Protein backbone atom coordinates (compact mmCIF):
# COMPACT_ATOMS: atom_id res chain seq x y z
CA UNK A 1 0.00 0.00 0.00
CA UNK A 2 1.21 3.50 -0.82
CA UNK A 3 1.26 5.87 2.15
CA UNK A 4 0.91 9.65 1.74
CA UNK A 5 3.18 11.76 3.93
CA UNK A 6 4.22 15.41 4.26
CA UNK A 7 7.90 16.34 4.26
CA UNK A 8 9.68 19.60 3.46
CA UNK A 9 6.33 21.27 2.70
CA UNK A 10 5.65 18.70 -0.02
CA UNK A 11 3.39 15.68 -0.31
CA UNK A 12 5.23 12.40 -0.85
CA UNK A 13 4.01 8.87 -1.50
CA UNK A 14 5.98 6.11 0.22
CA UNK A 15 6.06 2.43 -0.67
CA UNK A 16 5.30 0.60 2.58
CA UNK A 17 7.25 -2.45 1.45
CA UNK A 18 10.67 -0.82 0.90
CA UNK A 19 10.25 2.81 2.01
CA UNK A 20 11.12 4.41 -1.33
CA UNK A 21 9.44 7.81 -1.71
CA UNK A 22 7.89 9.36 -4.82
CA UNK A 23 6.36 12.76 -5.53
CA UNK A 24 3.72 11.20 -7.78
CA UNK A 25 1.08 8.74 -6.50
CA UNK A 26 0.80 6.93 -9.84
CA UNK A 27 4.56 6.39 -9.98
CA UNK A 28 4.54 5.06 -6.41
CA UNK A 29 1.68 2.69 -7.20
CA UNK A 30 3.48 1.36 -10.29
CA UNK A 31 6.63 0.83 -8.26
CA UNK A 32 4.75 -0.96 -5.50
CA UNK A 33 3.17 -3.37 -7.99
CA UNK A 34 6.69 -4.57 -8.86
CA UNK A 35 8.43 -4.05 -5.52
CA UNK A 36 10.37 -6.99 -4.06
CA UNK A 37 10.35 -5.35 -0.58
CA UNK A 38 14.12 -5.64 -0.23
CA UNK A 39 14.80 -1.93 -0.49
CA UNK A 40 15.58 0.23 -3.49
CA UNK A 41 18.20 -1.07 -5.89
CA UNK A 42 19.42 2.47 -6.53
CA UNK A 43 20.05 5.58 -4.49
CA UNK A 44 17.38 8.20 -4.83
PDB file of N, CA and C in Angstrom:
ATOM      1  N   UNK A   1       0.836  -1.175   0.000  1.00  0.00           N
ATOM      2  CA  UNK A   1       0.000   0.000   0.000  1.00  0.00           C
ATOM      3  C   UNK A   1       0.885   1.243   0.000  1.00  0.00           C
ATOM      4  N   UNK A   2       0.496   2.244  -0.753  1.00  0.00           N
ATOM      5  CA  UNK A   2       1.215   3.504  -0.823  1.00  0.00           C
ATOM      6  C   UNK A   2       0.693   4.419   0.283  1.00  0.00           C
ATOM      7  N   UNK A   3       1.617   5.006   1.033  1.00  0.00           N
ATOM      8  CA  UNK A   3       1.257   5.873   2.146  1.00  0.00           C
ATOM      9  C   UNK A   3       1.612   7.316   1.793  1.00  0.00           C
ATOM     10  N   UNK A   4       0.673   8.225   2.005  1.00  0.00           N
ATOM     11  CA  UNK A   4       0.907   9.645   1.744  1.00  0.00           C
ATOM     12  C   UNK A   4       1.497  10.278   2.992  1.00  0.00           C
ATOM     13  N   UNK A   5       2.537  11.097   2.813  1.00  0.00           N
ATOM     14  CA  UNK A   5       3.184  11.760   3.934  1.00  0.00           C
ATOM     15  C   UNK A   5       3.602  13.173   3.531  1.00  0.00           C
ATOM     16  N   UNK A   6       3.772  14.036   4.506  1.00  0.00           N
ATOM     17  CA  UNK A   6       4.224  15.410   4.262  1.00  0.00           C
ATOM     18  C   UNK A   6       5.661  15.532   4.740  1.00  0.00           C
ATOM     19  N   UNK A   7       6.511  16.106   3.885  1.00  0.00           N
ATOM     20  CA  UNK A   7       7.898  16.343   4.260  1.00  0.00           C
ATOM     21  C   UNK A   7       8.416  17.522   3.455  1.00  0.00           C
ATOM     22  N   UNK A   8       9.116  18.428   4.113  1.00  0.00           N
ATOM     23  CA  UNK A   8       9.681  19.604   3.457  1.00  0.00           C
ATOM     24  C   UNK A   8       8.615  20.387   2.697  1.00  0.00           C
ATOM     25  N   UNK A   9       7.448  20.543   3.307  1.00  0.00           N
ATOM     26  CA  UNK A   9       6.328  21.273   2.705  1.00  0.00           C
ATOM     27  C   UNK A   9       5.871  20.688   1.377  1.00  0.00           C
ATOM     28  N   UNK A  10       6.090  19.389   1.187  1.00  0.00           N
ATOM     29  CA  UNK A  10       5.653  18.696  -0.022  1.00  0.00           C
ATOM     30  C   UNK A  10       4.917  17.431   0.374  1.00  0.00           C
ATOM     31  N   UNK A  11       4.074  16.953  -0.517  1.00  0.00           N
ATOM     32  CA  UNK A  11       3.390  15.679  -0.314  1.00  0.00           C
ATOM     33  C   UNK A  11       4.176  14.596  -1.038  1.00  0.00           C
ATOM     34  N   UNK A  12       4.478  13.529  -0.312  1.00  0.00           N
ATOM     35  CA  UNK A  12       5.227  12.403  -0.853  1.00  0.00           C
ATOM     36  C   UNK A  12       4.394  11.138  -0.701  1.00  0.00           C
ATOM     37  N   UNK A  13       4.698  10.158  -1.538  1.00  0.00           N
ATOM     38  CA  UNK A  13       4.014   8.872  -1.497  1.00  0.00           C
ATOM     39  C   UNK A  13       5.077   7.805  -1.292  1.00  0.00           C
ATOM     40  N   UNK A  14       4.959   7.067  -0.184  1.00  0.00           N
ATOM     41  CA  UNK A  14       5.980   6.109   0.219  1.00  0.00           C
ATOM     42  C   UNK A  14       5.483   4.678   0.039  1.00  0.00           C
ATOM     43  N   UNK A  15       6.331   3.868  -0.553  1.00  0.00           N
ATOM     44  CA  UNK A  15       6.062   2.431  -0.667  1.00  0.00           C
ATOM     45  C   UNK A  15       6.245   1.816   0.718  1.00  0.00           C
ATOM     46  N   UNK A  16       5.208   1.202   1.245  1.00  0.00           N
ATOM     47  CA  UNK A  16       5.304   0.596   2.579  1.00  0.00           C
ATOM     48  C   UNK A  16       6.258  -0.587   2.603  1.00  0.00           C
ATOM     49  N   UNK A  17       6.408  -1.254   1.492  1.00  0.00           N
ATOM     50  CA  UNK A  17       7.253  -2.446   1.452  1.00  0.00           C
ATOM     51  C   UNK A  17       8.735  -2.111   1.606  1.00  0.00           C
ATOM     52  N   UNK A  18       9.237  -1.109   0.865  1.00  0.00           N
ATOM     53  CA  UNK A  18      10.669  -0.816   0.899  1.00  0.00           C
ATOM     54  C   UNK A  18      11.007   0.584   1.408  1.00  0.00           C
ATOM     55  N   UNK A  19      10.010   1.471   1.486  1.00  0.00           N
ATOM     56  CA  UNK A  19      10.248   2.808   2.012  1.00  0.00           C
ATOM     57  C   UNK A  19      10.639   3.850   0.980  1.00  0.00           C
ATOM     58  N   UNK A  20      10.766   3.472  -0.272  1.00  0.00           N
ATOM     59  CA  UNK A  20      11.121   4.413  -1.327  1.00  0.00           C
ATOM     60  C   UNK A  20      10.022   5.461  -1.467  1.00  0.00           C
ATOM     61  N   UNK A  21      10.419   6.730  -1.641  1.00  0.00           N
ATOM     62  CA  UNK A  21       9.441   7.811  -1.707  1.00  0.00           C
ATOM     63  C   UNK A  21       9.368   8.404  -3.110  1.00  0.00           C
ATOM     64  N   UNK A  22       8.159   8.788  -3.501  1.00  0.00           N
ATOM     65  CA  UNK A  22       7.887   9.363  -4.815  1.00  0.00           C
ATOM     66  C   UNK A  22       7.070  10.632  -4.640  1.00  0.00           C
ATOM     67  N   UNK A  23       7.181  11.542  -5.594  1.00  0.00           N
ATOM     68  CA  UNK A  23       6.362  12.758  -5.532  1.00  0.00           C
ATOM     69  C   UNK A  23       5.089  12.620  -6.360  1.00  0.00           C
ATOM     70  N   UNK A  24       4.888  11.456  -6.956  1.00  0.00           N
ATOM     71  CA  UNK A  24       3.715  11.198  -7.782  1.00  0.00           C
ATOM     72  C   UNK A  24       3.059   9.890  -7.342  1.00  0.00           C
ATOM     73  N   UNK A  25       1.770   9.942  -7.004  1.00  0.00           N
ATOM     74  CA  UNK A  25       1.084   8.739  -6.501  1.00  0.00           C
ATOM     75  C   UNK A  25       1.073   7.621  -7.538  1.00  0.00           C
ATOM     76  N   UNK A  26       0.847   7.965  -8.801  1.00  0.00           N
ATOM     77  CA  UNK A  26       0.796   6.934  -9.844  1.00  0.00           C
ATOM     78  C   UNK A  26       2.133   6.217  -9.974  1.00  0.00           C
ATOM     79  N   UNK A  27       3.221   6.975  -9.894  1.00  0.00           N
ATOM     80  CA  UNK A  27       4.556   6.388  -9.978  1.00  0.00           C
ATOM     81  C   UNK A  27       4.799   5.452  -8.789  1.00  0.00           C
ATOM     82  N   UNK A  28       4.380   5.883  -7.604  1.00  0.00           N
ATOM     83  CA  UNK A  28       4.543   5.063  -6.409  1.00  0.00           C
ATOM     84  C   UNK A  28       3.742   3.773  -6.518  1.00  0.00           C
ATOM     85  N   UNK A  29       2.538   3.876  -7.044  1.00  0.00           N
ATOM     86  CA  UNK A  29       1.683   2.694  -7.200  1.00  0.00           C
ATOM     87  C   UNK A  29       2.290   1.715  -8.195  1.00  0.00           C
ATOM     88  N   UNK A  30       2.827   2.231  -9.304  1.00  0.00           N
ATOM     89  CA  UNK A  30       3.475   1.356 -10.292  1.00  0.00           C
ATOM     90  C   UNK A  30       4.677   0.656  -9.676  1.00  0.00           C
ATOM     91  N   UNK A  31       5.458   1.417  -8.909  1.00  0.00           N
ATOM     92  CA  UNK A  31       6.626   0.830  -8.259  1.00  0.00           C
ATOM     93  C   UNK A  31       6.192  -0.289  -7.311  1.00  0.00           C
ATOM     94  N   UNK A  32       5.188  -0.002  -6.499  1.00  0.00           N
ATOM     95  CA  UNK A  32       4.754  -0.964  -5.497  1.00  0.00           C
ATOM     96  C   UNK A  32       4.260  -2.270  -6.131  1.00  0.00           C
ATOM     97  N   UNK A  33       3.642  -2.170  -7.293  1.00  0.00           N
ATOM     98  CA  UNK A  33       3.174  -3.366  -7.993  1.00  0.00           C
ATOM     99  C   UNK A  33       4.327  -4.320  -8.321  1.00  0.00           C
ATOM    100  N   UNK A  34       5.523  -3.765  -8.486  1.00  0.00           N
ATOM    101  CA  UNK A  34       6.685  -4.568  -8.864  1.00  0.00           C
ATOM    102  C   UNK A  34       7.748  -4.647  -7.769  1.00  0.00           C
ATOM    103  N   UNK A  35       7.442  -4.132  -6.588  1.00  0.00           N
ATOM    104  CA  UNK A  35       8.435  -4.052  -5.515  1.00  0.00           C
ATOM    105  C   UNK A  35       8.708  -5.432  -4.917  1.00  0.00           C
ATOM    106  N   UNK A  36      10.005  -5.711  -4.682  1.00  0.00           N
ATOM    107  CA  UNK A  36      10.375  -6.987  -4.063  1.00  0.00           C
ATOM    108  C   UNK A  36      10.548  -6.839  -2.548  1.00  0.00           C
ATOM    109  N   UNK A  37      10.307  -5.650  -2.022  1.00  0.00           N
ATOM    110  CA  UNK A  37      10.346  -5.355  -0.578  1.00  0.00           C
ATOM    111  C   UNK A  37      11.729  -5.525   0.036  1.00  0.00           C
ATOM    112  N   UNK A  38      12.766  -5.506  -0.768  1.00  0.00           N
ATOM    113  CA  UNK A  38      14.122  -5.640  -0.230  1.00  0.00           C
ATOM    114  C   UNK A  38      14.872  -4.312  -0.257  1.00  0.00           C
ATOM    115  N   UNK A  39      14.163  -3.229  -0.457  1.00  0.00           N
ATOM    116  CA  UNK A  39      14.803  -1.929  -0.486  1.00  0.00           C
ATOM    117  C   UNK A  39      15.115  -1.526  -1.911  1.00  0.00           C
ATOM    118  N   UNK A  40      15.313  -0.252  -2.135  1.00  0.00           N
ATOM    119  CA  UNK A  40      15.582   0.227  -3.490  1.00  0.00           C
ATOM    120  C   UNK A  40      16.918  -0.286  -4.009  1.00  0.00           C
ATOM    121  N   UNK A  41      16.965  -0.567  -5.291  1.00  0.00           N
ATOM    122  CA  UNK A  41      18.199  -1.072  -5.894  1.00  0.00           C
ATOM    123  C   UNK A  41      19.084   0.078  -6.389  1.00  0.00           C
ATOM    124  N   UNK A  42      18.649   1.296  -6.133  1.00  0.00           N
ATOM    125  CA  UNK A  42      19.421   2.467  -6.531  1.00  0.00           C
ATOM    126  C   UNK A  42      19.247   3.538  -5.466  1.00  0.00           C
ATOM    127  N   UNK A  43      20.142   4.481  -5.453  1.00  0.00           N
ATOM    128  CA  UNK A  43      20.050   5.582  -4.489  1.00  0.00           C
ATOM    129  C   UNK A  43      19.228   6.694  -5.097  1.00  0.00           C
ATOM    130  N   UNK A  44      18.278   7.150  -4.347  1.00  0.00           N
ATOM    131  CA  UNK A  44      17.375   8.197  -4.826  1.00  0.00           C
ATOM    132  C   UNK A  44      18.030   9.547  -4.684  1.00  0.00           C
TER     133      UNK A  44
END
